[in-house]
N, C-alpha and C. Protein backbone atom coordinates (compact mmCIF):
# COMPACT_ATOMS: atom_id res chain seq x y z
N MET A 1 1.73 -19.08 -13.37
CA MET A 1 1.35 -17.78 -13.84
C MET A 1 -0.06 -17.86 -14.41
N VAL A 2 -0.85 -16.85 -14.11
CA VAL A 2 -2.21 -16.76 -14.62
C VAL A 2 -2.20 -15.91 -15.88
N GLN A 3 -2.94 -16.35 -16.88
CA GLN A 3 -3.08 -15.56 -18.09
C GLN A 3 -4.49 -15.02 -18.15
N ALA A 4 -4.61 -13.77 -18.61
CA ALA A 4 -5.92 -13.14 -18.72
C ALA A 4 -6.03 -12.40 -20.04
N MET A 5 -7.18 -12.51 -20.64
CA MET A 5 -7.45 -11.75 -21.84
C MET A 5 -8.26 -10.53 -21.41
N ILE A 6 -7.76 -9.34 -21.72
CA ILE A 6 -8.45 -8.13 -21.30
C ILE A 6 -8.77 -7.27 -22.51
N GLN A 7 -9.82 -6.47 -22.37
CA GLN A 7 -10.19 -5.55 -23.43
C GLN A 7 -9.88 -4.14 -22.95
N LEU A 8 -9.16 -3.39 -23.78
CA LEU A 8 -8.80 -2.02 -23.46
C LEU A 8 -9.34 -1.10 -24.54
N ASN A 9 -9.78 0.07 -24.11
CA ASN A 9 -10.15 1.04 -25.13
C ASN A 9 -8.87 1.74 -25.60
N GLU A 10 -8.99 2.61 -26.57
CA GLU A 10 -7.82 3.25 -27.18
C GLU A 10 -7.01 4.06 -26.16
N HIS A 11 -7.68 4.77 -25.29
CA HIS A 11 -7.00 5.59 -24.28
C HIS A 11 -6.19 4.72 -23.31
N GLU A 12 -6.79 3.66 -22.82
CA GLU A 12 -6.10 2.77 -21.89
C GLU A 12 -4.89 2.10 -22.56
N ASP A 13 -5.04 1.75 -23.83
CA ASP A 13 -3.94 1.16 -24.58
C ASP A 13 -2.78 2.15 -24.71
N ARG A 14 -3.10 3.42 -24.96
CA ARG A 14 -2.07 4.45 -25.05
C ARG A 14 -1.34 4.62 -23.73
N ILE A 15 -2.10 4.61 -22.64
CA ILE A 15 -1.48 4.74 -21.31
C ILE A 15 -0.49 3.60 -21.08
N LEU A 16 -0.88 2.38 -21.40
CA LEU A 16 0.03 1.24 -21.23
C LEU A 16 1.27 1.38 -22.11
N THR A 17 1.09 1.90 -23.31
CA THR A 17 2.22 2.10 -24.21
C THR A 17 3.17 3.15 -23.63
N ILE A 18 2.63 4.20 -23.04
CA ILE A 18 3.45 5.23 -22.40
C ILE A 18 4.21 4.65 -21.21
N VAL A 19 3.52 3.89 -20.37
CA VAL A 19 4.15 3.25 -19.20
C VAL A 19 5.26 2.32 -19.67
N LYS A 20 4.96 1.56 -20.70
CA LYS A 20 5.93 0.61 -21.25
C LYS A 20 7.19 1.34 -21.72
N GLY A 21 7.00 2.44 -22.43
CA GLY A 21 8.15 3.22 -22.91
C GLY A 21 8.90 3.94 -21.80
N LYS A 22 8.18 4.52 -20.89
CA LYS A 22 8.80 5.30 -19.80
C LYS A 22 9.69 4.43 -18.93
N TYR A 23 9.25 3.21 -18.64
CA TYR A 23 10.01 2.33 -17.76
C TYR A 23 10.86 1.30 -18.51
N GLY A 24 10.92 1.42 -19.83
CA GLY A 24 11.76 0.53 -20.63
C GLY A 24 11.34 -0.93 -20.58
N LEU A 25 10.04 -1.17 -20.55
CA LEU A 25 9.53 -2.53 -20.48
C LEU A 25 9.41 -3.12 -21.88
N LYS A 26 9.48 -4.43 -21.97
CA LYS A 26 9.44 -5.10 -23.28
C LYS A 26 8.02 -5.37 -23.76
N THR A 27 7.10 -5.64 -22.83
CA THR A 27 5.74 -5.99 -23.23
C THR A 27 4.70 -5.18 -22.45
N LYS A 28 3.51 -5.16 -22.99
CA LYS A 28 2.41 -4.50 -22.29
C LYS A 28 2.02 -5.28 -21.04
N SER A 29 2.28 -6.56 -21.06
CA SER A 29 2.02 -7.37 -19.87
C SER A 29 2.87 -6.89 -18.70
N GLU A 30 4.14 -6.56 -18.98
CA GLU A 30 5.00 -6.01 -17.93
C GLU A 30 4.48 -4.65 -17.47
N ALA A 31 3.94 -3.86 -18.39
CA ALA A 31 3.37 -2.56 -18.05
C ALA A 31 2.16 -2.73 -17.14
N VAL A 32 1.30 -3.69 -17.46
CA VAL A 32 0.13 -3.96 -16.62
C VAL A 32 0.59 -4.37 -15.22
N ASN A 33 1.59 -5.24 -15.14
CA ASN A 33 2.11 -5.66 -13.84
C ASN A 33 2.67 -4.49 -13.04
N LEU A 34 3.37 -3.58 -13.71
CA LEU A 34 3.91 -2.40 -13.03
C LEU A 34 2.79 -1.51 -12.50
N VAL A 35 1.76 -1.29 -13.32
CA VAL A 35 0.63 -0.46 -12.90
C VAL A 35 -0.05 -1.10 -11.69
N ILE A 36 -0.22 -2.40 -11.71
CA ILE A 36 -0.84 -3.10 -10.57
C ILE A 36 0.03 -2.95 -9.32
N GLU A 37 1.34 -3.07 -9.48
CA GLU A 37 2.25 -2.93 -8.34
C GLU A 37 2.17 -1.53 -7.74
N LYS A 38 2.14 -0.51 -8.60
CA LYS A 38 2.04 0.88 -8.12
C LYS A 38 0.70 1.10 -7.41
N PHE A 39 -0.36 0.58 -7.97
CA PHE A 39 -1.68 0.70 -7.38
C PHE A 39 -1.70 0.04 -6.01
N GLU A 40 -1.07 -1.12 -5.90
CA GLU A 40 -1.00 -1.84 -4.64
C GLU A 40 -0.28 -1.00 -3.58
N GLN A 41 0.84 -0.39 -3.95
CA GLN A 41 1.60 0.41 -3.00
C GLN A 41 0.82 1.61 -2.51
N GLU A 42 0.03 2.21 -3.38
CA GLU A 42 -0.72 3.41 -3.03
C GLU A 42 -1.99 3.13 -2.23
N LEU A 43 -2.66 2.05 -2.55
CA LEU A 43 -4.00 1.86 -2.00
C LEU A 43 -4.17 0.68 -1.05
N LEU A 44 -3.12 -0.09 -0.86
CA LEU A 44 -3.24 -1.20 0.07
C LEU A 44 -3.52 -0.68 1.47
N GLU A 45 -4.24 -1.43 2.24
CA GLU A 45 -4.53 -1.02 3.60
C GLU A 45 -3.23 -0.84 4.35
N PRO A 46 -3.14 0.22 5.18
CA PRO A 46 -1.87 0.55 5.84
C PRO A 46 -1.29 -0.57 6.69
N GLU A 47 -2.12 -1.39 7.32
CA GLU A 47 -1.57 -2.43 8.18
C GLU A 47 -0.81 -3.50 7.39
N LEU A 48 -0.96 -3.50 6.09
CA LEU A 48 -0.25 -4.47 5.28
C LEU A 48 1.03 -3.89 4.67
N ARG A 49 1.23 -2.60 4.82
CA ARG A 49 2.39 -1.95 4.24
C ARG A 49 3.60 -2.10 5.17
N PRO A 50 4.77 -2.31 4.62
CA PRO A 50 5.98 -2.45 5.43
C PRO A 50 6.26 -1.23 6.30
N GLU A 51 5.97 -0.02 5.80
CA GLU A 51 6.20 1.20 6.59
C GLU A 51 5.35 1.18 7.86
N TYR A 52 4.14 0.70 7.71
CA TYR A 52 3.24 0.65 8.87
C TYR A 52 3.75 -0.35 9.90
N LEU A 53 4.24 -1.48 9.44
CA LEU A 53 4.76 -2.49 10.36
C LEU A 53 5.96 -1.95 11.14
N LYS A 54 6.81 -1.16 10.47
CA LYS A 54 7.95 -0.55 11.14
C LYS A 54 7.47 0.45 12.20
N LYS A 55 6.48 1.26 11.84
CA LYS A 55 5.92 2.24 12.77
C LYS A 55 5.26 1.53 13.96
N LEU A 56 4.57 0.45 13.68
CA LEU A 56 3.89 -0.31 14.72
C LEU A 56 4.89 -0.91 15.71
N SER A 57 6.02 -1.37 15.21
CA SER A 57 7.02 -1.94 16.12
C SER A 57 7.60 -0.87 17.04
N LYS A 58 7.73 0.37 16.55
CA LYS A 58 8.19 1.48 17.40
C LYS A 58 7.15 1.80 18.48
N ILE A 59 5.88 1.76 18.10
CA ILE A 59 4.80 2.02 19.06
C ILE A 59 4.80 0.95 20.14
N ARG A 60 4.95 -0.30 19.74
CA ARG A 60 4.93 -1.40 20.70
C ARG A 60 6.11 -1.35 21.66
N ALA A 61 7.22 -0.78 21.23
CA ALA A 61 8.42 -0.71 22.07
C ALA A 61 8.33 0.45 23.07
N GLY A 62 7.31 1.31 22.96
CA GLY A 62 7.18 2.48 23.84
C GLY A 62 6.81 2.12 25.26
N LYS A 63 6.79 3.15 26.12
CA LYS A 63 6.43 2.95 27.53
C LYS A 63 4.94 3.22 27.71
N TYR A 64 4.30 2.40 28.51
CA TYR A 64 2.87 2.51 28.72
C TYR A 64 2.54 2.46 30.20
N SER A 65 1.41 3.03 30.55
CA SER A 65 0.89 2.96 31.92
C SER A 65 -0.42 2.20 31.87
N SER A 66 -0.67 1.41 32.89
CA SER A 66 -1.95 0.70 32.93
C SER A 66 -2.80 1.29 34.06
N PHE A 67 -4.08 1.28 33.83
CA PHE A 67 -5.05 1.84 34.78
C PHE A 67 -6.12 0.81 35.06
N LYS A 68 -6.58 0.79 36.29
CA LYS A 68 -7.60 -0.17 36.68
C LYS A 68 -9.00 0.32 36.37
N SER A 69 -9.15 1.64 36.20
CA SER A 69 -10.48 2.17 35.91
C SER A 69 -10.36 3.47 35.11
N VAL A 70 -11.46 3.90 34.57
CA VAL A 70 -11.51 5.15 33.81
C VAL A 70 -11.25 6.33 34.75
N GLU A 71 -11.75 6.25 35.96
CA GLU A 71 -11.54 7.32 36.93
C GLU A 71 -10.05 7.50 37.23
N GLU A 72 -9.35 6.39 37.36
CA GLU A 72 -7.92 6.44 37.63
C GLU A 72 -7.18 7.10 36.44
N LEU A 73 -7.61 6.79 35.22
CA LEU A 73 -7.04 7.42 34.04
C LEU A 73 -7.31 8.92 34.04
N LYS A 74 -8.53 9.31 34.36
CA LYS A 74 -8.88 10.73 34.38
C LYS A 74 -8.04 11.49 35.40
N LYS A 75 -7.80 10.89 36.55
CA LYS A 75 -6.98 11.53 37.58
C LYS A 75 -5.54 11.72 37.08
N ALA A 76 -5.03 10.73 36.39
CA ALA A 76 -3.66 10.80 35.90
C ALA A 76 -3.48 11.83 34.80
N THR A 77 -4.51 12.06 34.00
CA THR A 77 -4.39 13.00 32.89
C THR A 77 -4.78 14.42 33.26
N SER A 78 -5.39 14.62 34.44
CA SER A 78 -5.76 15.99 34.80
C SER A 78 -4.80 16.60 35.76
């Protein structure tokens, strides 16, 4: 486990206290970990998210057509 000393202003400290109380956490360290986890879920690149991997597997299982040239593709779509 990595330990870090962080500086928080009064507002940030209040937010952590609210998170700690809302989720029934014992320490502010747990609150920081929860905030990081939520941030990760919201902002992680989609290709790393489990939902995206599930969607990608459905796409890969689909039916596809192959074309030898762009002209052949244009004929098929028109």
